[in-house]
Protein backbone atom coordinates (compact mmCIF):
# COMPACT_ATOMS: atom_id res chain seq x y z
CA UNK A 1 77.83 81.98 28.29
CA UNK A 2 81.65 81.84 28.64
CA UNK A 3 83.00 78.98 30.87
CA UNK A 4 84.58 79.40 34.21
CA UNK A 5 87.77 78.74 34.21
CA UNK A 6 89.56 78.42 37.94
CA UNK A 7 93.45 78.21 37.87
CA UNK A 8 94.23 76.66 41.19
CA UNK A 9 98.54 77.51 41.67
CA UNK A 10 99.10 80.40 39.23
CA UNK A 11 102.32 81.88 40.92
CA UNK A 12 104.84 79.51 39.56
CA UNK A 13 103.92 79.79 35.91
CA UNK A 14 103.33 83.48 35.85
CA UNK A 15 103.16 85.68 39.09
CA UNK A 16 101.04 88.66 36.79
CA UNK A 17 97.74 89.51 37.27
CA UNK A 18 94.94 89.25 34.66
CA UNK A 19 95.90 92.34 32.19
CA UNK A 20 99.30 92.84 33.36
CA UNK A 21 102.06 92.10 31.17
CA UNK A 22 105.78 91.91 31.77
CA UNK A 23 108.23 90.76 29.39
CA UNK A 24 109.84 88.14 32.34
CA UNK A 25 106.58 86.21 32.41
CA UNK A 26 104.11 85.02 30.18
CA UNK A 27 100.67 86.90 30.26
CA UNK A 28 97.32 85.20 31.38
CA UNK A 29 95.35 87.41 28.82
CA UNK A 30 94.78 84.96 26.06
CA UNK A 31 93.57 82.62 28.63
CA UNK A 32 91.15 85.29 30.21
CA UNK A 33 89.68 85.77 26.42
CA UNK A 34 88.20 82.27 26.63
CA UNK A 35 86.12 82.35 29.47
CA UNK A 36 85.60 83.50 33.36
CA UNK A 37 89.03 83.18 34.66
CA UNK A 38 89.97 83.48 38.08
CA UNK A 39 93.78 83.14 39.10
CA UNK A 40 94.65 81.73 42.75
CA UNK A 41 98.61 81.99 43.41
CA UNK A 42 98.65 79.18 45.51
CA UNK A 43 95.90 76.60 46.81
CA UNK A 44 96.30 74.36 49.98
CA UNK A 45 94.48 70.95 50.13
CA UNK A 46 91.96 72.48 52.56
CA UNK A 47 90.61 75.38 49.94
CA UNK A 48 90.82 73.29 46.79
CA UNK A 49 87.08 72.28 46.97
CA UNK A 50 85.92 75.68 47.72
CA UNK A 51 88.15 77.28 45.37
CA UNK A 52 87.22 74.58 42.44
CA UNK A 53 83.39 74.45 43.11
CA UNK A 54 81.13 76.11 40.17
CA UNK A 55 84.44 75.82 37.85
CA UNK A 56 84.01 73.89 34.21
CA UNK A 57 87.45 74.10 33.52
CA UNK A 58 90.25 73.52 36.72
CA UNK A 59 93.79 74.26 35.82
CA UNK A 60 96.58 72.69 37.95
CA UNK A 61 100.19 72.20 38.24
CA UNK A 62 100.94 70.63 41.44
CA UNK A 63 97.66 71.26 43.28
CA UNK A 64 96.12 67.38 43.70
CA UNK A 65 92.57 66.60 42.46
CA UNK A 66 91.89 63.49 43.91
CA UNK A 67 88.79 61.21 43.57
CA UNK A 68 86.68 62.53 46.45
CA UNK A 69 87.43 66.23 45.13
CA UNK A 70 86.74 65.21 41.34
CA UNK A 71 83.25 63.56 42.65
CA UNK A 72 82.07 66.84 44.50
CA UNK A 73 82.71 69.10 41.39
CA UNK A 74 79.53 68.05 39.62
CA UNK A 75 79.80 71.24 37.00
CA UNK A 76 83.95 70.24 36.14
CA UNK A 77 84.07 68.94 32.75
CA UNK A 78 88.06 69.70 31.98
CA UNK A 79 91.17 69.39 33.92
CA UNK A 80 94.22 71.35 32.28
CA UNK A 81 97.77 69.97 33.74
CA UNK A 82 100.18 72.82 33.46
CA UNK A 83 102.75 70.36 33.23
CA UNK A 84 103.91 67.26 31.58
CA UNK A 85 103.59 64.58 34.67
CA UNK A 86 99.89 63.60 35.41
CA UNK A 87 100.22 62.50 38.97
CA UNK A 88 98.46 65.47 40.32
CA UNK A 89 95.12 64.25 39.06
CA UNK A 90 93.33 60.96 39.86
CA UNK A 91 92.98 59.99 35.68
CA UNK A 92 90.61 57.07 36.63
CA UNK A 93 87.97 59.10 38.76
CA UNK A 94 88.19 61.96 35.76
CA UNK A 95 87.44 59.14 33.49
CA UNK A 96 84.47 57.90 35.28
CA UNK A 97 82.99 61.10 35.25
CA UNK A 98 83.94 61.71 31.97
CA UNK A 99 85.93 64.60 32.06
CA UNK A 100 88.91 65.68 29.94
CA UNK A 101 92.10 65.50 31.14
CA UNK A 102 95.07 67.22 29.18
CA UNK A 103 98.48 67.89 30.21
CA UNK A 104 101.47 69.82 28.26
CA UNK A 105 104.15 67.55 26.47
CA UNK A 106 107.60 68.72 26.00
CA UNK A 107 107.53 72.52 26.57
CA UNK A 108 110.81 72.22 28.78
CA UNK A 109 112.64 69.63 26.98
CA UNK A 110 115.40 72.56 25.79
CA UNK A 111 115.62 74.18 29.35
CA UNK A 112 115.61 70.96 31.33
CA UNK A 113 118.58 69.66 29.04
CA UNK A 114 120.20 72.62 29.76
CA UNK A 115 119.87 72.76 33.62
CA UNK A 116 120.87 69.03 33.64
CA UNK A 117 124.32 69.86 31.73
CA UNK A 118 124.87 72.84 33.53
CA UNK A 119 124.74 70.70 36.76
CA UNK A 120 127.33 68.41 35.09
CA UNK A 121 129.48 71.28 34.10
CA UNK A 122 129.39 72.72 37.75
CA UNK A 123 130.06 69.33 39.27
CA UNK A 124 133.20 68.72 36.82
CA UNK A 125 134.80 72.42 36.78
CA UNK A 126 133.69 73.90 40.22
CA UNK A 127 132.50 76.86 38.37
CA UNK A 128 131.14 78.43 41.36
CA UNK A 129 133.84 77.97 43.85
CA UNK A 130 136.19 78.89 41.11
CA UNK A 131 134.61 82.38 40.27
CA UNK A 132 134.31 82.78 44.40
CA UNK A 133 138.19 82.87 44.76
CA UNK A 134 138.06 86.13 42.31
CA UNK A 135 135.03 87.58 44.36
CA UNK A 136 136.39 86.77 47.94
CA UNK A 137 140.02 88.39 46.90
CA UNK A 138 141.66 84.90 47.25
CA UNK A 139 143.30 85.01 44.21
CA UNK A 140 144.49 88.57 44.29
CA UNK A 141 146.65 87.47 47.59
CA UNK A 142 148.12 84.47 45.84
CA UNK A 143 151.79 84.82 44.24
CA UNK A 144 150.60 82.77 41.57
CA UNK A 145 149.13 83.46 38.09
CA UNK A 146 146.62 80.52 38.61
CA UNK A 147 145.25 78.86 42.02
CA UNK A 148 142.18 76.37 42.19
CA UNK A 149 139.53 75.72 44.36
CA UNK A 150 139.96 72.02 43.70
CA UNK A 151 140.53 69.14 41.06
CA UNK A 152 138.80 69.69 37.96
CA UNK A 153 137.40 67.07 35.09
CA UNK A 154 137.40 67.35 31.45
CA UNK A 155 134.28 65.53 29.93
CA UNK A 156 135.57 64.76 26.65
CA UNK A 157 135.92 61.17 26.35
CA UNK A 158 134.16 60.11 29.50
CA UNK A 159 131.15 58.12 29.86
CA UNK A 160 127.80 59.74 30.36
CA UNK A 161 124.93 57.21 31.33
CA UNK A 162 121.50 58.05 30.46
CA UNK A 163 118.58 56.60 32.43
CA UNK A 164 115.32 56.65 30.33
CA UNK A 165 115.28 57.52 26.58
CA UNK A 166 112.33 60.32 26.23
CA UNK A 167 112.69 63.86 24.75
CA UNK A 168 114.59 65.36 27.50
CA UNK A 169 117.15 62.44 27.91
CA UNK A 170 117.76 62.63 24.62
CA UNK A 171 118.19 66.41 24.27
CA UNK A 172 120.89 66.01 27.38
CA UNK A 173 122.50 63.15 25.52
CA UNK A 174 123.11 65.04 22.27
CA UNK A 175 124.49 67.90 24.21
CA UNK A 176 126.55 65.74 26.37
CA UNK A 177 127.93 63.85 22.80
CA UNK A 178 128.69 67.37 21.38
CA UNK A 179 131.00 67.59 24.50
CA UNK A 180 132.75 64.68 23.25
CA UNK A 181 131.45 62.06 25.86
CA UNK A 182 130.30 58.34 25.27
CA UNK A 183 126.90 58.08 25.54
CA UNK A 184 125.48 54.81 27.36
CA UNK A 185 121.64 54.70 27.52
CA UNK A 186 119.42 52.34 29.80
CA UNK A 187 115.83 52.21 29.33
CA UNK A 188 112.83 50.10 28.82
CA UNK A 189 112.58 51.06 25.43
CA UNK A 190 114.90 51.14 22.84
CA UNK A 191 114.29 54.04 20.33
CA UNK A 192 116.05 55.56 17.23
CA UNK A 193 118.70 58.23 17.98
CA UNK A 194 120.22 60.65 16.07
CA UNK A 195 123.17 60.61 17.82
CA UNK A 196 125.76 57.65 18.72
CA UNK A 197 125.11 55.88 21.70
CA UNK A 198 125.38 52.30 23.59
CA UNK A 199 122.21 50.64 24.92
CA UNK A 200 123.56 48.80 28.03
CA UNK A 201 121.99 46.93 31.29
CA UNK A 202 121.83 48.96 34.68
CA UNK A 203 125.04 46.91 35.84
CA UNK A 204 127.00 48.16 32.90
CA UNK A 205 125.49 51.85 33.19
CA UNK A 206 126.79 52.03 36.91
CA UNK A 207 129.87 50.44 36.48
CA UNK A 208 130.72 52.38 33.58
CA UNK A 209 129.66 55.49 33.47
CA UNK A 210 131.70 58.87 34.89
CA UNK A 211 128.28 60.80 35.00
CA UNK A 212 124.66 59.60 35.41
CA UNK A 213 121.63 61.69 34.46
CA UNK A 214 118.12 60.56 35.56
CA UNK A 215 115.31 61.18 33.00
CA UNK A 216 112.91 58.20 33.79
CA UNK A 217 109.61 58.38 35.18
CA UNK A 218 108.80 57.85 38.81
CA UNK A 219 107.14 54.69 39.47
CA UNK A 220 107.22 51.83 41.66
CA UNK A 221 109.81 50.08 39.83
CA UNK A 222 111.95 53.52 39.45
CA UNK A 223 111.49 54.76 43.24
CA UNK A 224 115.02 54.82 44.75
CA UNK A 225 116.49 53.68 41.73
CA UNK A 226 119.41 54.73 43.10
CA UNK A 227 119.92 53.27 46.70
CA UNK A 228 123.14 51.90 48.72
CA UNK A 229 123.37 49.37 46.72
CA UNK A 230 123.84 50.75 43.10
CA UNK A 231 125.77 53.60 44.69
CA UNK A 232 128.19 50.99 45.69
CA UNK A 233 128.33 49.72 41.91
CA UNK A 234 129.04 53.03 40.23
CA UNK A 235 132.51 53.86 39.49
CA UNK A 236 134.32 55.52 42.22
CA UNK A 237 133.91 59.47 41.95
CA UNK A 238 131.40 59.28 39.64
CA UNK A 239 128.88 62.05 39.24
CA UNK A 240 125.02 62.01 39.54
CA UNK A 241 122.47 64.37 37.98
CA UNK A 242 118.74 64.40 38.67
CA UNK A 243 116.55 66.46 37.23
CA UNK A 244 113.61 63.97 36.93
CA UNK A 245 111.90 63.50 40.38
CA UNK A 246 113.43 63.52 43.84
CA UNK A 247 112.12 60.16 45.12
CA UNK A 248 114.46 58.47 42.04
CA UNK A 249 117.41 58.59 44.39
CA UNK A 250 117.55 57.75 48.24
CA UNK A 251 118.83 60.91 49.26
CA UNK A 252 120.29 59.58 52.85
CA UNK A 253 122.09 56.94 50.67
CA UNK A 254 123.45 59.88 48.24
CA UNK A 255 124.63 61.79 51.36
CA UNK A 256 126.67 59.26 52.73
CA UNK A 257 127.98 58.29 49.34
CA UNK A 258 129.36 62.21 48.89
CA UNK A 259 130.86 62.12 52.63
CA UNK A 260 132.74 58.77 52.42
CA UNK A 261 134.04 59.99 48.66
CA UNK A 262 132.51 57.24 46.78
CA UNK A 263 130.25 59.25 44.93
CA UNK A 264 132.27 62.63 43.42
CA UNK A 265 129.31 64.70 43.27
CA UNK A 266 125.45 65.26 43.00
CA UNK A 267 123.78 67.59 41.04
CA UNK A 268 119.89 67.88 41.20
CA UNK A 269 116.90 69.97 40.61
CA UNK A 270 114.67 68.08 42.61
CA UNK A 271 114.05 66.65 46.29
CA UNK A 272 111.99 64.22 47.72
CA UNK A 273 110.03 66.81 49.44
CA UNK A 274 109.37 70.26 48.00
CA UNK A 275 109.91 72.56 49.49
CA UNK A 276 112.75 70.65 51.09
CA UNK A 277 112.91 70.24 55.29
CA UNK A 278 115.18 72.52 56.93
CA UNK A 279 117.12 69.40 57.84
CA UNK A 280 117.46 67.77 54.70
CA UNK A 281 120.19 65.27 54.60
CA UNK A 282 122.10 67.22 51.40
CA UNK A 283 122.14 70.45 53.16
CA UNK A 284 126.00 71.47 53.78
CA UNK A 285 127.07 68.13 52.17
CA UNK A 286 130.31 69.00 49.92
CA UNK A 287 129.72 68.56 46.28
CA UNK A 288 125.96 68.46 46.61
CA UNK A 289 124.90 71.11 44.16
CA UNK A 290 120.96 71.43 44.49
CA UNK A 291 118.64 74.03 42.53
CA UNK A 292 115.06 74.94 43.60
CA UNK A 293 113.34 72.93 40.61
CA UNK A 294 114.01 75.54 38.31
CA UNK A 295 114.72 73.81 35.42
CA UNK A 296 111.43 73.72 33.52
CA UNK A 297 110.84 77.69 34.24
CA UNK A 298 112.80 79.54 31.60
CA UNK A 299 111.10 82.34 30.15
CA UNK A 300 110.99 80.43 26.94
CA UNK A 301 109.59 77.39 28.35
CA UNK A 302 106.62 78.64 30.36
CA UNK A 303 105.62 80.90 27.25
CA UNK A 304 105.35 77.40 25.46
CA UNK A 305 103.24 76.25 28.44
CA UNK A 306 101.13 78.85 28.35
CA UNK A 307 100.46 78.77 24.38
CA UNK A 308 99.75 74.97 24.93
CA UNK A 309 97.54 75.40 27.72
CA UNK A 310 95.36 77.85 25.74
CA UNK A 311 95.40 75.94 22.95
CA UNK A 312 94.18 73.00 24.79
CA UNK A 313 91.68 74.62 26.00
CA UNK A 314 90.40 75.96 22.85
CA UNK A 315 90.61 72.48 21.25
CA UNK A 316 88.25 71.51 23.98
CA UNK A 317 85.80 74.17 23.63
CA UNK A 318 85.76 73.42 19.92
CA UNK A 319 84.76 69.71 20.36
CA UNK A 320 88.42 68.35 19.46
CA UNK A 321 90.46 67.86 22.32
CA UNK A 322 94.00 67.43 21.97
CA UNK A 323 97.17 66.38 24.54
CA UNK A 324 94.62 64.24 26.45
CA UNK A 325 96.08 61.71 28.88
């Protein structure tokens, strides 16, 4: 008898239905071959218990499975995270119940690193604003062969500060190094790298970096790692990049620093609350480039995600679980 598999928030991984195929999105068909698969595009907290009831395997990305839910799902044997992060699941409660929990490590490394550097390049070159001078007709109406939407920065020779030294941080640093940037790294753990870098303390990272990119996990210690005090310690006009987690920065403090000119630009793919509220403090603030949590979501990354989700479940069925957390 095939197990019942329930996906609580399928849409962001792939909007396709079972049996549908589209080269823009990964297919659910290989997962459907492993059991009785039920897809829910989105699931609210009030719907979670009812939808997960009777399932042997539950997959989630952002839908929270807390202790109360886990204790009220007697047939649950496996929780699959369609993500690298594990904060959506009460791991201790799952362990007490003997429920296997697996995640998908490193599937989006190349895509997130690419996006991090894209944000940096946007801030340094003002590319969107420069391109708009053509589309708006502004360039055509000027007497000179060249006009600019504002000052740009050459990144070669500048200092690029990395907070954290995991796979995404290192992939981002490699690209920055290829641009000719000096790499400064601040992390709890020093690791061997295949690019030249300097290991620095927090104060040196803040004071010497022309751009800082955040790639550390969100913990009590890193919550608001960037706040009023750290912004004041940064090099005037420096850029800040955040493709990690929104609460790594105090968004009110960042908005104030941008408005005062202390911070040269903020590029982020995350906000403290997602989706952000209408009155988010960074809406309408100059030199704030915020994308809607899409760095992870290239087609290639989602294909890798789906392949690992399927292989994780197959390994669990075979009695040899992998990527357990």
